Amino acid sequence: MGMQRELQARRRRRLRYQLRSKANGRPRLSVFRSSKNIYVQVIDDTTGKTLAAASTLEAAVKSQLKTGADIEAARAVGKLIAERAKSAGLEQVVFDRGSYIYHGRVKALAESAREGGLAF
């Protein structure tokens, strides 16, 4: 594991630890950002199950985007996860930005999920 990965893992662990103490039972909205796509899952950490997921790999989303790696794409995914979480009966989540700073794609996804009616 390179130094970069090590630091990334450390940031992610630090953040998750903080989140667990603040979540009090709320599921975690976890974001993963790769160079070509962006993925998001709503995870219930008490059971370890994924309750809802969305990404730029899905045909419905992919067809409307020129790339899965820009802010437009992140907004689309944010909107989608909000719809899916709500249909699964979730309103309250806690935002897990992983090892990424709250900026750019990660921020755009969060904002559009909030607009879609998720509270965090």
Protein backbone atom coordinates (compact mmCIF):
# COMPACT_ATOMS: atom_id res chain seq x y z
CA MET A 1 0.00 0.00 0.00
CA GLY A 2 1.46 3.35 -1.01
CA MET A 3 1.82 6.27 1.36
CA GLN A 4 -1.03 8.02 -0.42
CA ARG A 5 -3.40 5.09 0.15
CA GLU A 6 -2.30 4.80 3.76
CA LEU A 7 -3.12 8.45 4.44
CA GLN A 8 -6.41 8.10 2.59
CA ALA A 9 -7.37 5.09 4.68
CA ARG A 10 -6.40 6.94 7.84
CA ARG A 11 -8.58 9.94 6.94
CA ARG A 12 -11.47 7.66 6.13
CA ARG A 13 -11.16 5.80 9.45
CA ARG A 14 -10.90 9.04 11.40
CA LEU A 15 -14.00 10.44 9.74
CA ARG A 16 -16.06 7.24 10.15
CA TYR A 17 -15.16 7.15 13.82
CA GLN A 18 -16.42 10.72 14.25
CA LEU A 19 -19.57 9.89 12.30
CA ARG A 20 -20.39 6.82 14.37
CA SER A 21 -20.47 8.88 17.52
CA LYS A 22 -22.70 11.50 15.95
CA ALA A 23 -24.97 9.27 13.89
CA ASN A 24 -27.09 7.87 16.74
CA GLY A 25 -28.74 5.23 14.60
CA ARG A 26 -28.99 7.19 11.37
CA PRO A 27 -27.79 5.39 8.24
CA ARG A 28 -24.61 6.61 6.58
CA LEU A 29 -24.60 8.19 3.12
CA SER A 30 -21.24 7.01 1.82
CA VAL A 31 -19.61 8.54 -1.26
CA PHE A 32 -16.96 6.93 -3.43
CA ARG A 33 -15.32 8.98 -6.14
CA SER A 34 -13.20 7.40 -8.85
CA SER A 35 -11.56 9.14 -11.77
CA LYS A 36 -14.38 8.17 -14.15
CA ASN A 37 -17.44 7.70 -11.95
CA ILE A 38 -19.09 8.56 -8.68
CA TYR A 39 -20.98 6.14 -6.45
CA VAL A 40 -23.11 6.58 -3.36
CA GLN A 41 -24.67 4.15 -0.91
CA VAL A 42 -26.90 4.52 2.11
CA ILE A 43 -25.60 2.03 4.66
CA ASP A 44 -27.19 0.91 7.91
CA ASP A 45 -24.15 0.31 10.10
CA THR A 46 -26.04 -1.57 12.79
CA THR A 47 -26.80 -4.42 10.37
CA GLY A 48 -24.08 -3.63 7.82
CA LYS A 49 -26.64 -3.60 5.01
CA THR A 50 -26.86 -1.24 2.05
CA LEU A 51 -30.35 0.27 1.98
CA ALA A 52 -30.08 2.28 -1.24
CA ALA A 53 -27.43 2.90 -3.85
CA ALA A 54 -26.89 4.96 -6.99
CA SER A 55 -24.01 5.58 -9.37
CA THR A 56 -23.07 6.98 -12.76
CA LEU A 57 -22.72 3.41 -14.06
CA GLU A 58 -26.47 2.93 -14.29
CA ALA A 59 -27.87 2.97 -17.81
CA ALA A 60 -30.63 5.46 -16.96
CA VAL A 61 -28.13 7.95 -15.57
CA LYS A 62 -25.31 7.22 -17.99
CA SER A 63 -27.38 7.91 -21.09
CA GLN A 64 -28.03 11.51 -19.99
CA LEU A 65 -24.44 12.39 -19.14
CA LYS A 66 -21.41 13.08 -21.25
CA THR A 67 -19.14 11.78 -18.50
CA GLY A 68 -19.58 10.23 -15.08
CA ALA A 69 -16.80 12.33 -13.63
CA ASP A 70 -18.11 15.89 -13.45
CA ILE A 71 -20.30 17.99 -11.19
CA GLU A 72 -23.32 17.45 -13.46
CA ALA A 73 -22.97 13.70 -12.94
CA ALA A 74 -22.59 14.10 -9.19
CA ARG A 75 -25.80 16.17 -9.07
CA ALA A 76 -27.73 13.54 -11.01
CA VAL A 77 -26.56 10.81 -8.64
CA GLY A 78 -27.38 12.95 -5.60
CA LYS A 79 -30.92 13.45 -6.86
CA LEU A 80 -31.31 9.75 -7.56
CA ILE A 81 -30.09 8.62 -4.14
CA ALA A 82 -32.49 11.06 -2.47
CA GLU A 83 -35.43 9.53 -4.38
CA ARG A 84 -34.34 5.98 -3.57
CA ALA A 85 -33.69 6.69 0.08
CA LYS A 86 -37.10 8.30 0.43
CA SER A 87 -38.85 5.39 -1.23
CA ALA A 88 -37.03 3.15 1.26
CA GLY A 89 -38.53 5.35 3.99
CA LEU A 90 -35.36 7.26 4.92
CA GLU A 91 -35.20 10.98 5.54
CA GLN A 92 -32.42 11.33 8.08
CA VAL A 93 -28.91 10.28 7.12
CA VAL A 94 -25.37 11.19 8.07
CA PHE A 95 -23.01 12.25 5.28
CA ASP A 96 -19.82 10.23 4.90
CA ARG A 97 -17.38 12.01 2.61
CA GLY A 98 -14.79 9.27 3.11
CA SER A 99 -11.29 10.57 2.56
CA TYR A 100 -12.39 13.33 0.20
CA ILE A 101 -12.68 16.98 1.12
CA TYR A 102 -16.16 18.48 0.97
CA HIS A 103 -15.66 20.16 -2.36
CA GLY A 104 -16.44 19.78 -6.05
CA ARG A 105 -18.17 16.53 -6.97
CA VAL A 106 -18.62 15.37 -3.40
CA LYS A 107 -20.19 18.69 -2.43
CA ALA A 108 -22.42 18.79 -5.51
CA LEU A 109 -23.74 15.32 -4.72
CA ALA A 110 -24.47 16.29 -1.12
CA GLU A 111 -26.29 19.46 -2.08
CA SER A 112 -28.46 17.79 -4.66
CA ALA A 113 -29.35 15.01 -2.19
CA ARG A 114 -30.43 17.69 0.27
CA GLU A 115 -32.54 19.36 -2.39
CA GLY A 116 -34.09 15.97 -3.07
CA GLY A 117 -35.30 15.95 0.52
CA LEU A 118 -32.68 14.07 2.51
CA ALA A 119 -31.86 15.68 5.83
CA PHE A 120 -28.23 15.80 6.99
